[in-house]
Amino acid sequence: MLTGIVIDALDAAGMERFWLDATRGRTGGLRLRFEPAAEPKTARKNRLHLDLAGGPDHEAEVARLLALGATRADIGQGSVPWDVLADPEGNEFCVLRPGHPGVLADSGLVAVCLDVAEEDRRAQSAFWQDRAGWQVTESADWGVRLRRGPTSTVSLVMGPPAARKTARNRLRPEVTRRDRTPGEYLDAGGNEFHVVH
C-alpha cells in the first residue's frame, strides 16, 4: 500500500515544517518523511513531484506558499493552467487551479506525480497498482491516475514527459508491505521507492 513520500533534504527539520505548512497538514493519509541529504538537488526537474490544490482563491494560496519560502520555478513547462513553484530546496511542485480535472479537495496534497514515458505507461501502471494497492480511475493521452478508493483525495498520476534520470530521485514513494524486506527498490522505470513494514 502506498503510504508515504520520502524527500531528501539538506535541512530535514526545515523542510518538514515547510511541507506541513504548505499542505496545511492535509496529505490524504500519506506520510511525508524527510531524510538527511549530503548534497543539494542538482537535476533540473525531479521525476516525482507533488501537486497541491490552490483552492477557491488560487492567487492568495500561491502568495501564501511564496511567503512560506517557495519560489517560482521554470522547468520548461511553458504556458500551463497551474503554477509551478519550488520548495526551499528547489523541489518543484504544482499548485492546481479550481476545477482542475481529478482534484477532489480544495486544499492540501492532491496528487503524487511520477514521470513515465508513454512506452512505459502500461508496465508502470501495472507495477504501481500492485505495489500501491491503488486502482486506475482514469486513463487518457495525458497518462494514468490511480486512487486508493473512489473518494480518496490524493491520486498517483503517471504520465509523460519523463525527465532523464541523472541521479537518485530526491522524492520517492514509500509503500508498506509485510511480504517484502524493508529497504530501497527500483520500480519498472528505474525509480527508487522504499518498502517499510
Protein backbone atom coordinates (compact mmCIF):
# COMPACT_ATOMS: atom_id res chain seq x y z
CA MET A 1 0.00 0.00 0.00
CA LEU A 2 1.32 3.46 -0.91
CA THR A 3 1.58 5.14 2.48
CA GLY A 4 4.05 7.99 2.07
CA ILE A 5 6.65 10.02 0.23
CA VAL A 6 10.32 10.21 1.23
CA ILE A 7 12.04 13.52 0.50
CA ASP A 8 15.81 14.05 0.68
CA ALA A 9 16.64 17.31 2.42
CA LEU A 10 19.71 19.26 3.49
CA ASP A 11 17.60 20.73 6.31
CA ALA A 12 15.18 17.90 7.14
CA ALA A 13 13.52 19.76 10.04
CA GLY A 14 13.09 22.94 7.99
CA MET A 15 11.66 21.05 5.03
CA GLU A 16 9.26 19.17 7.29
CA ARG A 17 7.98 22.49 8.67
CA PHE A 18 7.63 23.92 5.15
CA TRP A 19 5.62 20.95 3.83
CA LEU A 20 3.44 20.74 6.93
CA ASP A 21 2.53 24.40 6.42
CA ALA A 22 2.32 24.12 2.61
CA THR A 23 -0.16 21.23 2.76
CA ARG A 24 -1.94 22.67 5.81
CA GLY A 25 -1.40 19.19 7.27
CA ARG A 26 -3.72 17.73 4.63
CA THR A 27 -1.88 14.89 2.92
CA GLY A 28 -4.73 12.50 2.23
CA GLY A 29 -3.33 9.99 4.67
CA LEU A 30 0.16 9.92 3.12
CA ARG A 31 3.12 10.43 5.43
CA LEU A 32 5.82 12.86 4.29
CA ARG A 33 9.17 11.66 5.64
CA PHE A 34 12.38 13.68 5.32
CA GLU A 35 15.80 12.03 5.08
CA PRO A 36 19.03 13.99 5.56
CA ALA A 37 20.91 14.54 2.30
CA ALA A 38 24.59 15.35 1.90
CA GLU A 39 24.20 17.27 -1.37
CA PRO A 40 21.65 19.74 -2.79
CA LYS A 41 19.32 18.99 -5.68
CA THR A 42 21.19 19.04 -8.99
CA ALA A 43 18.60 17.75 -11.51
CA ARG A 44 16.67 20.43 -13.38
CA LYS A 45 13.41 18.53 -12.88
CA ASN A 46 12.57 15.76 -10.43
CA ARG A 47 10.94 12.61 -11.78
CA LEU A 48 8.42 12.73 -8.94
CA HIS A 49 6.69 15.85 -7.67
CA LEU A 50 3.68 16.80 -5.57
CA ASP A 51 0.55 18.72 -6.60
CA LEU A 52 -1.32 20.94 -4.17
CA ALA A 53 -4.86 22.27 -4.55
CA GLY A 54 -4.92 26.04 -4.95
CA GLY A 55 -8.41 26.34 -3.52
CA PRO A 56 -11.09 28.88 -4.39
CA ASP A 57 -8.65 31.81 -4.01
CA HIS A 58 -5.79 30.41 -6.04
CA GLU A 59 -3.73 33.60 -6.19
CA ALA A 60 -3.91 34.03 -2.41
CA GLU A 61 -2.78 30.44 -1.95
CA VAL A 62 0.20 30.94 -4.27
CA ALA A 63 1.10 34.12 -2.35
CA ARG A 64 0.85 32.19 0.95
CA LEU A 65 3.20 29.47 -0.38
CA LEU A 66 5.68 32.10 -1.60
CA ALA A 67 5.60 33.72 1.84
CA LEU A 68 6.41 30.31 3.40
CA GLY A 69 9.62 30.15 1.34
CA ALA A 70 8.56 28.69 -2.02
CA THR A 71 9.85 30.28 -5.23
CA ARG A 72 8.50 30.33 -8.77
CA ALA A 73 10.11 27.65 -10.96
CA ASP A 74 10.64 27.28 -14.68
CA ILE A 75 11.23 23.67 -15.65
CA GLY A 76 10.29 24.22 -19.27
CA GLN A 77 6.56 23.89 -18.64
CA GLY A 78 5.61 26.75 -20.96
CA SER A 79 2.07 28.09 -20.64
CA VAL A 80 0.10 25.78 -18.33
CA PRO A 81 -3.13 26.27 -16.33
CA TRP A 82 -1.37 25.84 -12.96
CA ASP A 83 1.52 27.45 -11.11
CA VAL A 84 4.89 25.72 -10.82
CA LEU A 85 6.74 26.54 -7.62
CA ALA A 86 9.74 25.04 -5.83
CA ASP A 87 10.17 24.33 -2.15
CA PRO A 88 13.08 25.95 -0.26
CA GLU A 89 15.49 23.26 -1.55
CA GLY A 90 14.43 23.53 -5.19
CA ASN A 91 12.00 20.60 -5.47
CA GLU A 92 9.30 21.68 -7.86
CA PHE A 93 5.60 21.26 -7.13
CA CYS A 94 2.40 22.40 -8.80
CA VAL A 95 -0.45 24.47 -7.42
CA LEU A 96 -3.61 23.50 -9.30
CA ARG A 97 -6.40 25.94 -10.05
CA PRO A 98 -10.03 25.32 -9.04
CA GLY A 99 -11.79 22.97 -11.44
CA HIS A 100 -8.60 21.12 -12.40
CA PRO A 101 -9.58 17.61 -13.56
CA GLY A 102 -9.22 14.92 -10.94
CA VAL A 103 -8.92 17.27 -7.95
CA LEU A 104 -11.27 16.17 -5.13
CA ALA A 105 -10.15 18.62 -2.41
CA ASP A 106 -9.83 22.40 -2.17
CA SER A 107 -6.56 22.41 -0.22
CA GLY A 108 -3.59 20.27 0.66
CA LEU A 109 -1.85 17.48 -1.23
CA VAL A 110 -3.97 16.19 -4.12
CA ALA A 111 -1.54 14.28 -6.34
CA VAL A 112 1.78 12.50 -6.41
CA CYS A 113 3.04 12.81 -9.99
CA LEU A 114 5.55 10.34 -11.43
CA ASP A 115 7.16 10.92 -14.81
CA VAL A 116 6.52 7.93 -17.06
CA ALA A 117 7.46 7.66 -20.73
CA GLU A 118 4.49 6.82 -22.94
CA GLU A 119 6.01 3.48 -23.93
CA ASP A 120 6.42 2.56 -20.23
CA ARG A 121 2.92 3.57 -19.12
CA ARG A 122 1.37 0.08 -19.18
CA ALA A 123 4.23 -1.54 -17.24
CA GLN A 124 4.39 1.29 -14.69
CA SER A 125 0.62 1.29 -14.21
CA ALA A 126 0.60 -2.47 -13.53
CA PHE A 127 3.64 -2.17 -11.25
CA TRP A 128 2.14 0.62 -9.13
CA GLN A 129 -1.31 -0.97 -8.95
CA ASP A 130 0.42 -4.00 -7.40
CA ARG A 131 2.79 -2.08 -5.09
CA ALA A 132 0.47 0.74 -4.07
CA GLY A 133 -2.69 -1.31 -3.87
CA TRP A 134 -4.49 1.52 -5.70
CA GLN A 135 -6.69 1.16 -8.78
CA VAL A 136 -6.83 3.00 -12.12
CA THR A 137 -9.59 5.62 -12.09
CA GLU A 138 -8.60 7.47 -15.28
CA SER A 139 -6.54 6.65 -18.35
CA ALA A 140 -6.09 9.07 -21.25
CA ASP A 141 -3.47 10.58 -23.57
CA TRP A 142 -2.05 12.61 -20.65
CA GLY A 143 -1.40 9.49 -18.55
CA VAL A 144 -2.95 7.32 -15.84
CA ARG A 145 -4.48 8.21 -12.47
CA LEU A 146 -4.62 5.72 -9.59
CA ARG A 147 -6.53 6.17 -6.32
CA ARG A 148 -6.81 4.21 -3.08
CA GLY A 149 -10.60 4.44 -3.46
CA PRO A 150 -13.12 6.45 -5.49
CA THR A 151 -13.33 9.22 -2.87
CA SER A 152 -9.63 9.37 -1.96
CA THR A 153 -8.46 12.99 -2.17
CA VAL A 154 -4.92 12.04 -3.25
CA SER A 155 -4.08 10.30 -6.51
CA LEU A 156 -0.96 8.84 -8.09
CA VAL A 157 -0.63 10.35 -11.56
CA MET A 158 1.75 8.84 -14.11
CA GLY A 159 2.48 10.35 -17.48
CA PRO A 160 4.93 11.99 -19.84
CA PRO A 161 7.17 13.73 -20.26
CA ALA A 162 9.73 11.62 -18.44
CA ALA A 163 12.67 13.61 -17.18
CA ARG A 164 16.02 11.99 -17.95
CA LYS A 165 17.31 10.22 -14.86
CA THR A 166 20.74 11.56 -13.94
CA ALA A 167 20.89 10.73 -10.23
CA ARG A 168 18.98 9.12 -7.39
CA ASN A 169 15.48 10.61 -7.12
CA ARG A 170 15.13 13.15 -4.28
CA LEU A 171 11.43 12.32 -3.84
CA ARG A 172 10.45 8.67 -3.63
CA PRO A 173 7.24 6.74 -2.93
CA GLU A 174 7.05 4.69 0.25
CA VAL A 175 4.95 1.53 0.40
CA THR A 176 4.02 -0.55 3.41
CA ARG A 177 4.27 -4.27 2.69
CA ARG A 178 4.71 -7.10 5.14
CA ASP A 179 5.66 -9.55 2.36
CA ARG A 180 8.81 -7.65 1.31
CA THR A 181 12.08 -6.98 3.10
CA PRO A 182 12.29 -3.30 4.13
CA GLY A 183 14.66 -1.25 2.03
CA GLU A 184 15.01 0.69 -1.19
CA TYR A 185 13.99 -0.85 -4.52
CA LEU A 186 13.53 0.24 -8.16
CA ASP A 187 10.21 0.39 -9.99
CA ALA A 188 9.69 -0.67 -13.60
CA GLY A 189 11.05 2.68 -14.81
CA GLY A 190 14.20 2.65 -12.66
CA ASN A 191 12.80 4.99 -9.98
CA GLU A 192 13.67 4.36 -6.36
CA PHE A 193 10.94 3.56 -3.84
CA HIS A 194 11.01 2.49 -0.21
CA VAL A 195 9.39 -0.54 1.42
CA VAL A 196 8.60 -0.35 5.13
CA HIS A 197 6.69 -2.63 7.50
